[in-house]
């Protein structure tokens, strides 16, 4: 397996522009606020160094909005927003989550 086959979760979230800094992404991950689904197995990411691979599904809430994405690419850098959007494919929210109350 090559080194480019996976990337630290905090780096990927930062490159995909979900967070303004790596330290914010790392703190978010360490709080266990991201669910990772890989090969049908779901777990919480509680360490920022946990690897993310192409094909993984991530679910997390930022700013009161539930976000579900599929990792499409790992990226080489933190580029402009248009480049960041190529790193993931937005998914619908998981069916098991209840809708937010008004």
C-alpha atoms as a PDB file:
ATOM      1  CA  UNK A   1       0.000   0.000   0.000  1.00  0.00           C
ATOM      2  CA  UNK A   2       1.453   3.358  -0.966  1.00  0.00           C
ATOM      3  CA  UNK A   3       1.654   6.332   1.352  1.00  0.00           C
ATOM      4  CA  UNK A   4      -0.787   8.274  -0.835  1.00  0.00           C
ATOM      5  CA  UNK A   5      -3.499   5.636  -0.256  1.00  0.00           C
ATOM      6  CA  UNK A   6      -4.510   7.275   3.029  1.00  0.00           C
ATOM      7  CA  UNK A   7      -4.324  10.647   4.742  1.00  0.00           C
ATOM      8  CA  UNK A   8      -4.755  11.868   8.304  1.00  0.00           C
ATOM      9  CA  UNK A   9      -8.394  12.722   8.993  1.00  0.00           C
ATOM     10  CA  UNK A  10      -7.593  16.241  10.252  1.00  0.00           C
ATOM     11  CA  UNK A  11      -5.560  17.031   7.131  1.00  0.00           C
ATOM     12  CA  UNK A  12      -8.306  15.768   4.827  1.00  0.00           C
ATOM     13  CA  UNK A  13     -11.042  17.792   6.586  1.00  0.00           C
ATOM     14  CA  UNK A  14      -8.835  20.882   6.370  1.00  0.00           C
ATOM     15  CA  UNK A  15      -7.970  20.311   2.678  1.00  0.00           C
ATOM     16  CA  UNK A  16     -11.663  19.778   1.879  1.00  0.00           C
ATOM     17  CA  UNK A  17     -12.312  23.165   3.547  1.00  0.00           C
ATOM     18  CA  UNK A  18     -14.702  21.981   6.226  1.00  0.00           C
ATOM     19  CA  UNK A  19     -12.469  23.738   8.793  1.00  0.00           C
ATOM     20  CA  UNK A  20     -10.369  26.899   8.594  1.00  0.00           C
ATOM     21  CA  UNK A  21      -7.377  25.328  10.359  1.00  0.00           C
ATOM     22  CA  UNK A  22      -5.961  21.886  11.024  1.00  0.00           C
ATOM     23  CA  UNK A  23      -6.069  22.515  14.757  1.00  0.00           C
ATOM     24  CA  UNK A  24      -9.844  23.145  14.601  1.00  0.00           C
ATOM     25  CA  UNK A  25     -10.284  19.928  12.603  1.00  0.00           C
ATOM     26  CA  UNK A  26      -8.108  18.022  15.094  1.00  0.00           C
ATOM     27  CA  UNK A  27     -10.096  19.301  18.082  1.00  0.00           C
ATOM     28  CA  UNK A  28     -13.372  18.370  16.362  1.00  0.00           C
ATOM     29  CA  UNK A  29     -12.079  14.839  15.690  1.00  0.00           C
ATOM     30  CA  UNK A  30     -10.703  14.334  19.194  1.00  0.00           C
ATOM     31  CA  UNK A  31     -14.165  15.131  20.569  1.00  0.00           C
ATOM     32  CA  UNK A  32     -15.441  12.111  18.620  1.00  0.00           C
ATOM     33  CA  UNK A  33     -17.824  14.156  16.487  1.00  0.00           C
ATOM     34  CA  UNK A  34     -17.115  12.376  13.173  1.00  0.00           C
ATOM     35  CA  UNK A  35     -18.470   8.970  12.138  1.00  0.00           C
ATOM     36  CA  UNK A  36     -16.493   6.946   9.628  1.00  0.00           C
ATOM     37  CA  UNK A  37     -17.968   4.136   7.549  1.00  0.00           C
ATOM     38  CA  UNK A  38     -15.501   1.889   5.751  1.00  0.00           C
ATOM     39  CA  UNK A  39     -16.394  -1.440   4.149  1.00  0.00           C
ATOM     40  CA  UNK A  40     -19.777  -1.453   5.909  1.00  0.00           C
ATOM     41  CA  UNK A  41     -18.260  -0.981   9.375  1.00  0.00           C
ATOM     42  CA  UNK A  42     -19.087   2.242  11.220  1.00  0.00           C
ATOM     43  CA  UNK A  43     -16.923   3.806  13.944  1.00  0.00           C
ATOM     44  CA  UNK A  44     -16.233   7.170  15.515  1.00  0.00           C
ATOM     45  CA  UNK A  45     -12.974   8.934  14.768  1.00  0.00           C
ATOM     46  CA  UNK A  46     -11.481  10.014  18.088  1.00  0.00           C
ATOM     47  CA  UNK A  47      -7.881  10.622  16.984  1.00  0.00           C
ATOM     48  CA  UNK A  48      -6.841  13.141  14.373  1.00  0.00           C
ATOM     49  CA  UNK A  49      -4.161  10.812  12.976  1.00  0.00           C
ATOM     50  CA  UNK A  50      -6.741   8.171  12.012  1.00  0.00           C
ATOM     51  CA  UNK A  51      -6.421   7.518   8.276  1.00  0.00           C
ATOM     52  CA  UNK A  52      -9.068   8.442   5.726  1.00  0.00           C
ATOM     53  CA  UNK A  53      -9.122   6.576   2.422  1.00  0.00           C
ATOM     54  CA  UNK A  54     -10.875   7.084  -0.905  1.00  0.00           C
ATOM     55  CA  UNK A  55     -14.318   5.492  -0.684  1.00  0.00           C
ATOM     56  CA  UNK A  56     -14.797   6.193   3.045  1.00  0.00           C
ATOM     57  CA  UNK A  57     -18.036   7.850   4.173  1.00  0.00           C
ATOM     58  CA  UNK A  58     -17.876  10.583   6.815  1.00  0.00           C
ATOM     59  CA  UNK A  59     -20.825  12.015   8.746  1.00  0.00           C
ATOM     60  CA  UNK A  60     -20.516  15.034  11.046  1.00  0.00           C
ATOM     61  CA  UNK A  61     -22.382  18.166  12.100  1.00  0.00           C
ATOM     62  CA  UNK A  62     -20.813  21.593  11.639  1.00  0.00           C
ATOM     63  CA  UNK A  63     -22.655  24.802  12.373  1.00  0.00           C
ATOM     64  CA  UNK A  64     -25.881  22.958  13.164  1.00  0.00           C
ATOM     65  CA  UNK A  65     -25.944  21.231   9.753  1.00  0.00           C
ATOM     66  CA  UNK A  66     -25.498  17.502   9.309  1.00  0.00           C
ATOM     67  CA  UNK A  67     -22.925  16.757   6.625  1.00  0.00           C
ATOM     68  CA  UNK A  68     -22.480  13.366   4.969  1.00  0.00           C
ATOM     69  CA  UNK A  69     -19.779  12.933   2.338  1.00  0.00           C
ATOM     70  CA  UNK A  70     -17.971  10.212   0.443  1.00  0.00           C
ATOM     71  CA  UNK A  71     -14.211  10.715   0.095  1.00  0.00           C
ATOM     72  CA  UNK A  72     -13.468  10.929  -3.649  1.00  0.00           C
ATOM     73  CA  UNK A  73      -9.801  12.014  -3.483  1.00  0.00           C
ATOM     74  CA  UNK A  74      -7.163  12.855  -0.892  1.00  0.00           C
ATOM     75  CA  UNK A  75      -5.754  15.966  -2.539  1.00  0.00           C
ATOM     76  CA  UNK A  76      -2.220  17.289  -2.630  1.00  0.00           C
ATOM     77  CA  UNK A  77      -2.801  20.663  -0.974  1.00  0.00           C
ATOM     78  CA  UNK A  78      -5.426  22.981   0.475  1.00  0.00           C
ATOM     79  CA  UNK A  79      -6.528  24.643  -2.710  1.00  0.00           C
ATOM     80  CA  UNK A  80      -9.350  27.000  -3.612  1.00  0.00           C
ATOM     81  CA  UNK A  81     -12.956  26.009  -2.837  1.00  0.00           C
ATOM     82  CA  UNK A  82     -13.582  24.642  -6.336  1.00  0.00           C
ATOM     83  CA  UNK A  83     -10.613  22.291  -5.947  1.00  0.00           C
ATOM     84  CA  UNK A  84     -11.699  21.312  -2.419  1.00  0.00           C
ATOM     85  CA  UNK A  85     -15.155  20.286  -3.673  1.00  0.00           C
ATOM     86  CA  UNK A  86     -13.534  17.674  -5.935  1.00  0.00           C
ATOM     87  CA  UNK A  87     -12.283  15.816  -2.846  1.00  0.00           C
ATOM     88  CA  UNK A  88     -15.761  14.641  -1.784  1.00  0.00           C
ATOM     89  CA  UNK A  89     -19.206  13.721  -3.008  1.00  0.00           C
ATOM     90  CA  UNK A  90     -22.102  15.017  -0.864  1.00  0.00           C
ATOM     91  CA  UNK A  91     -24.468  12.281   0.326  1.00  0.00           C
ATOM     92  CA  UNK A  92     -27.932  12.447   1.779  1.00  0.00           C
ATOM     93  CA  UNK A  93     -28.166  12.388   5.560  1.00  0.00           C
ATOM     94  CA  UNK A  94     -28.322   8.854   7.020  1.00  0.00           C
ATOM     95  CA  UNK A  95     -31.890   7.510   7.193  1.00  0.00           C
ATOM     96  CA  UNK A  96     -31.586   6.650  10.896  1.00  0.00           C
ATOM     97  CA  UNK A  97     -31.113  10.271  11.958  1.00  0.00           C
ATOM     98  CA  UNK A  98     -34.293  12.046  13.072  1.00  0.00           C
ATOM     99  CA  UNK A  99     -35.078  15.408  11.449  1.00  0.00           C
ATOM    100  CA  UNK A 100     -34.225  18.503  13.466  1.00  0.00           C
ATOM    101  CA  UNK A 101     -37.046  20.036  15.481  1.00  0.00           C
ATOM    102  CA  UNK A 102     -38.041  23.592  14.466  1.00  0.00           C
END
